Amino acid sequence: MNYQNIYNQLFNELKQFVRTEVYNLLEGLKREEVDEWLTIKEACAYLKITKPTLWALSNKGILEKHYLGDLPRYKRSELDKAFVSFPKNGGGGI
Protein backbone atom coordinates (compact mmCIF):
# COMPACT_ATOMS: atom_id res chain seq x y z
CA MET A 1 0.00 0.00 0.00
CA ASN A 2 1.48 3.35 -0.94
CA TYR A 3 1.33 6.60 1.00
CA GLN A 4 -1.43 8.07 -1.18
CA ASN A 5 -3.72 5.12 -0.42
CA ILE A 6 -2.99 5.35 3.30
CA TYR A 7 -3.65 9.09 3.21
CA ASN A 8 -6.94 8.62 1.34
CA GLN A 9 -8.09 5.92 3.75
CA LEU A 10 -7.25 8.02 6.82
CA PHE A 11 -8.86 11.08 5.27
CA ASN A 12 -12.09 9.19 4.53
CA GLU A 13 -12.20 7.71 8.03
CA LEU A 14 -11.63 11.13 9.58
CA LYS A 15 -14.28 12.69 7.34
CA GLN A 16 -16.82 10.03 8.36
CA PHE A 17 -15.93 10.46 12.04
CA VAL A 18 -16.36 14.26 11.88
CA ARG A 19 -19.64 13.91 9.96
CA THR A 20 -21.00 11.50 12.58
CA GLU A 21 -19.93 13.71 15.49
CA VAL A 22 -21.44 16.85 13.95
CA TYR A 23 -24.69 14.99 13.26
CA ASN A 24 -24.86 13.75 16.86
CA LEU A 25 -24.13 17.25 18.17
CA LEU A 26 -26.90 18.78 16.06
CA GLU A 27 -29.37 16.10 17.09
CA GLY A 28 -28.57 16.81 20.74
CA LEU A 29 -29.17 20.53 20.23
CA LYS A 30 -32.55 19.84 18.62
CA ARG A 31 -33.60 17.85 21.69
CA GLU A 32 -32.56 20.51 24.19
CA GLU A 33 -35.20 22.99 25.18
CA VAL A 34 -34.38 26.40 23.82
CA ASP A 35 -35.10 29.08 26.38
CA GLU A 36 -36.95 32.12 25.17
CA TRP A 37 -36.13 35.63 26.39
CA LEU A 38 -39.22 37.79 26.98
CA THR A 39 -39.46 41.55 27.10
CA ILE A 40 -41.32 43.21 29.97
CA LYS A 41 -44.44 43.52 27.81
CA GLU A 42 -44.22 39.88 26.69
CA ALA A 43 -43.63 38.65 30.26
CA CYS A 44 -46.66 40.59 31.49
CA ALA A 45 -48.83 39.20 28.70
CA TYR A 46 -47.54 35.66 29.32
CA LEU A 47 -48.23 35.85 33.06
CA LYS A 48 -51.37 37.97 32.64
CA ILE A 49 -50.13 40.54 35.13
CA THR A 50 -49.46 44.27 35.05
CA LYS A 51 -46.05 45.93 34.78
CA PRO A 52 -46.14 47.10 38.42
CA THR A 53 -46.84 43.53 39.53
CA LEU A 54 -43.96 42.23 37.40
CA TRP A 55 -41.61 44.83 38.90
CA ALA A 56 -42.78 43.99 42.42
CA LEU A 57 -42.22 40.26 41.85
CA SER A 58 -38.76 41.03 40.50
CA ASN A 59 -37.88 43.31 43.41
CA LYS A 60 -38.98 40.65 45.93
CA GLY A 61 -36.79 38.06 44.21
CA ILE A 62 -39.71 35.91 43.08
CA LEU A 63 -38.82 36.54 39.44
CA GLU A 64 -35.28 36.95 38.19
CA LYS A 65 -34.69 39.85 35.83
CA HIS A 66 -31.75 39.56 33.43
CA TYR A 67 -30.20 42.28 31.34
CA LEU A 68 -29.17 41.83 27.73
CA GLY A 69 -27.10 44.95 27.40
CA ASP A 70 -29.25 47.52 29.15
CA LEU A 71 -32.55 45.83 28.24
CA PRO A 72 -34.37 43.86 30.95
CA ARG A 73 -35.48 40.39 29.93
CA TYR A 74 -37.11 37.38 31.58
CA LYS A 75 -36.56 33.72 30.75
CA ARG A 76 -39.81 31.94 29.98
CA SER A 77 -38.62 28.78 31.77
CA GLU A 78 -37.86 30.79 34.94
CA LEU A 79 -41.30 32.40 34.83
CA ASP A 80 -42.84 28.94 34.60
CA LYS A 81 -40.75 27.62 37.50
CA ALA A 82 -41.49 30.65 39.70
CA PHE A 83 -45.22 30.21 39.39
CA VAL A 84 -45.25 26.50 40.09
CA SER A 85 -44.74 27.32 43.79
CA PHE A 86 -46.40 30.78 43.81
CA PRO A 87 -49.64 30.85 45.85
CA LYS A 88 -52.77 31.42 43.75
CA ASN A 89 -55.17 32.06 46.62
CA GLY A 90 -54.15 35.59 47.55
CA GLY A 91 -51.20 34.83 49.80
CA GLY A 92 -51.19 38.26 51.45
CA GLY A 93 -50.31 40.42 48.47
CA ILE A 94 -47.01 41.16 46.87
C-alpha atoms as a PDB file:
ATOM      1  CA  MET A   1       0.000   0.000   0.000  1.00  0.00           C
ATOM      2  CA  ASN A   2       1.485   3.347  -0.944  1.00  0.00           C
ATOM      3  CA  TYR A   3       1.330   6.605   1.002  1.00  0.00           C
ATOM      4  CA  GLN A   4      -1.428   8.069  -1.178  1.00  0.00           C
ATOM      5  CA  ASN A   5      -3.717   5.117  -0.424  1.00  0.00           C
ATOM      6  CA  ILE A   6      -2.988   5.345   3.303  1.00  0.00           C
ATOM      7  CA  TYR A   7      -3.645   9.088   3.207  1.00  0.00           C
ATOM      8  CA  ASN A   8      -6.945   8.621   1.336  1.00  0.00           C
ATOM      9  CA  GLN A   9      -8.091   5.918   3.748  1.00  0.00           C
ATOM     10  CA  LEU A  10      -7.255   8.018   6.822  1.00  0.00           C
ATOM     11  CA  PHE A  11      -8.861  11.076   5.271  1.00  0.00           C
ATOM     12  CA  ASN A  12     -12.088   9.193   4.525  1.00  0.00           C
ATOM     13  CA  GLU A  13     -12.204   7.710   8.027  1.00  0.00           C
ATOM     14  CA  LEU A  14     -11.631  11.130   9.578  1.00  0.00           C
ATOM     15  CA  LYS A  15     -14.280  12.695   7.340  1.00  0.00           C
ATOM     16  CA  GLN A  16     -16.817  10.028   8.357  1.00  0.00           C
ATOM     17  CA  PHE A  17     -15.925  10.461  12.038  1.00  0.00           C
ATOM     18  CA  VAL A  18     -16.361  14.256  11.878  1.00  0.00           C
ATOM     19  CA  ARG A  19     -19.644  13.911   9.957  1.00  0.00           C
ATOM     20  CA  THR A  20     -21.004  11.496  12.581  1.00  0.00           C
ATOM     21  CA  GLU A  21     -19.931  13.705  15.495  1.00  0.00           C
ATOM     22  CA  VAL A  22     -21.440  16.849  13.949  1.00  0.00           C
ATOM     23  CA  TYR A  23     -24.687  14.993  13.259  1.00  0.00           C
ATOM     24  CA  ASN A  24     -24.856  13.751  16.862  1.00  0.00           C
ATOM     25  CA  LEU A  25     -24.135  17.247  18.167  1.00  0.00           C
ATOM     26  CA  LEU A  26     -26.903  18.782  16.060  1.00  0.00           C
ATOM     27  CA  GLU A  27     -29.374  16.100  17.087  1.00  0.00           C
ATOM     28  CA  GLY A  28     -28.572  16.814  20.741  1.00  0.00           C
ATOM     29  CA  LEU A  29     -29.174  20.529  20.228  1.00  0.00           C
ATOM     30  CA  LYS A  30     -32.545  19.844  18.624  1.00  0.00           C
ATOM     31  CA  ARG A  31     -33.595  17.848  21.689  1.00  0.00           C
ATOM     32  CA  GLU A  32     -32.556  20.512  24.188  1.00  0.00           C
ATOM     33  CA  GLU A  33     -35.200  22.987  25.184  1.00  0.00           C
ATOM     34  CA  VAL A  34     -34.377  26.398  23.825  1.00  0.00           C
ATOM     35  CA  ASP A  35     -35.095  29.084  26.384  1.00  0.00           C
ATOM     36  CA  GLU A  36     -36.953  32.124  25.167  1.00  0.00           C
ATOM     37  CA  TRP A  37     -36.129  35.630  26.387  1.00  0.00           C
ATOM     38  CA  LEU A  38     -39.217  37.790  26.979  1.00  0.00           C
ATOM     39  CA  THR A  39     -39.465  41.553  27.096  1.00  0.00           C
ATOM     40  CA  ILE A  40     -41.322  43.208  29.972  1.00  0.00           C
ATOM     41  CA  LYS A  41     -44.435  43.519  27.810  1.00  0.00           C
ATOM     42  CA  GLU A  42     -44.217  39.885  26.687  1.00  0.00           C
ATOM     43  CA  ALA A  43     -43.631  38.649  30.259  1.00  0.00           C
ATOM     44  CA  CYS A  44     -46.657  40.594  31.492  1.00  0.00           C
ATOM     45  CA  ALA A  45     -48.827  39.199  28.698  1.00  0.00           C
ATOM     46  CA  TYR A  46     -47.538  35.656  29.316  1.00  0.00           C
ATOM     47  CA  LEU A  47     -48.233  35.845  33.061  1.00  0.00           C
ATOM     48  CA  LYS A  48     -51.372  37.974  32.639  1.00  0.00           C
ATOM     49  CA  ILE A  49     -50.135  40.539  35.133  1.00  0.00           C
ATOM     50  CA  THR A  50     -49.458  44.271  35.048  1.00  0.00           C
ATOM     51  CA  LYS A  51     -46.053  45.926  34.784  1.00  0.00           C
ATOM     52  CA  PRO A  52     -46.136  47.102  38.423  1.00  0.00           C
ATOM     53  CA  THR A  53     -46.836  43.528  39.530  1.00  0.00           C
ATOM     54  CA  LEU A  54     -43.963  42.231  37.400  1.00  0.00           C
ATOM     55  CA  TRP A  55     -41.607  44.834  38.903  1.00  0.00           C
ATOM     56  CA  ALA A  56     -42.781  43.991  42.422  1.00  0.00           C
ATOM     57  CA  LEU A  57     -42.221  40.261  41.855  1.00  0.00           C
ATOM     58  CA  SER A  58     -38.760  41.030  40.497  1.00  0.00           C
ATOM     59  CA  ASN A  59     -37.879  43.307  43.413  1.00  0.00           C
ATOM     60  CA  LYS A  60     -38.979  40.653  45.930  1.00  0.00           C
ATOM     61  CA  GLY A  61     -36.792  38.065  44.206  1.00  0.00           C
ATOM     62  CA  ILE A  62     -39.710  35.912  43.080  1.00  0.00           C
ATOM     63  CA  LEU A  63     -38.818  36.541  39.436  1.00  0.00           C
ATOM     64  CA  GLU A  64     -35.284  36.951  38.195  1.00  0.00           C
ATOM     65  CA  LYS A  65     -34.693  39.845  35.830  1.00  0.00           C
ATOM     66  CA  HIS A  66     -31.749  39.562  33.427  1.00  0.00           C
ATOM     67  CA  TYR A  67     -30.199  42.283  31.337  1.00  0.00           C
ATOM     68  CA  LEU A  68     -29.171  41.829  27.730  1.00  0.00           C
ATOM     69  CA  GLY A  69     -27.100  44.946  27.397  1.00  0.00           C
ATOM     70  CA  ASP A  70     -29.254  47.520  29.154  1.00  0.00           C
ATOM     71  CA  LEU A  71     -32.549  45.827  28.240  1.00  0.00           C
ATOM     72  CA  PRO A  72     -34.371  43.863  30.954  1.00  0.00           C
ATOM     73  CA  ARG A  73     -35.479  40.387  29.925  1.00  0.00           C
ATOM     74  CA  TYR A  74     -37.111  37.383  31.585  1.00  0.00           C
ATOM     75  CA  LYS A  75     -36.560  33.718  30.752  1.00  0.00           C
ATOM     76  CA  ARG A  76     -39.815  31.937  29.985  1.00  0.00           C
ATOM     77  CA  SER A  77     -38.620  28.779  31.771  1.00  0.00           C
ATOM     78  CA  GLU A  78     -37.857  30.793  34.937  1.00  0.00           C
ATOM     79  CA  LEU A  79     -41.305  32.402  34.828  1.00  0.00           C
ATOM     80  CA  ASP A  80     -42.838  28.936  34.600  1.00  0.00           C
ATOM     81  CA  LYS A  81     -40.749  27.618  37.503  1.00  0.00           C
ATOM     82  CA  ALA A  82     -41.492  30.647  39.698  1.00  0.00           C
ATOM     83  CA  PHE A  83     -45.223  30.208  39.395  1.00  0.00           C
ATOM     84  CA  VAL A  84     -45.249  26.497  40.091  1.00  0.00           C
ATOM     85  CA  SER A  85     -44.736  27.324  43.787  1.00  0.00           C
ATOM     86  CA  PHE A  86     -46.398  30.778  43.809  1.00  0.00           C
ATOM     87  CA  PRO A  87     -49.643  30.850  45.851  1.00  0.00           C
ATOM     88  CA  LYS A  88     -52.770  31.422  43.755  1.00  0.00           C
ATOM     89  CA  ASN A  89     -55.173  32.059  46.618  1.00  0.00           C
ATOM     90  CA  GLY A  90     -54.152  35.587  47.553  1.00  0.00           C
ATOM     91  CA  GLY A  91     -51.203  34.828  49.798  1.00  0.00           C
ATOM     92  CA  GLY A  92     -51.195  38.259  51.446  1.00  0.00           C
ATOM     93  CA  GLY A  93     -50.305  40.415  48.465  1.00  0.00           C
ATOM     94  CA  ILE A  94     -47.008  41.163  46.868  1.00  0.00           C
END
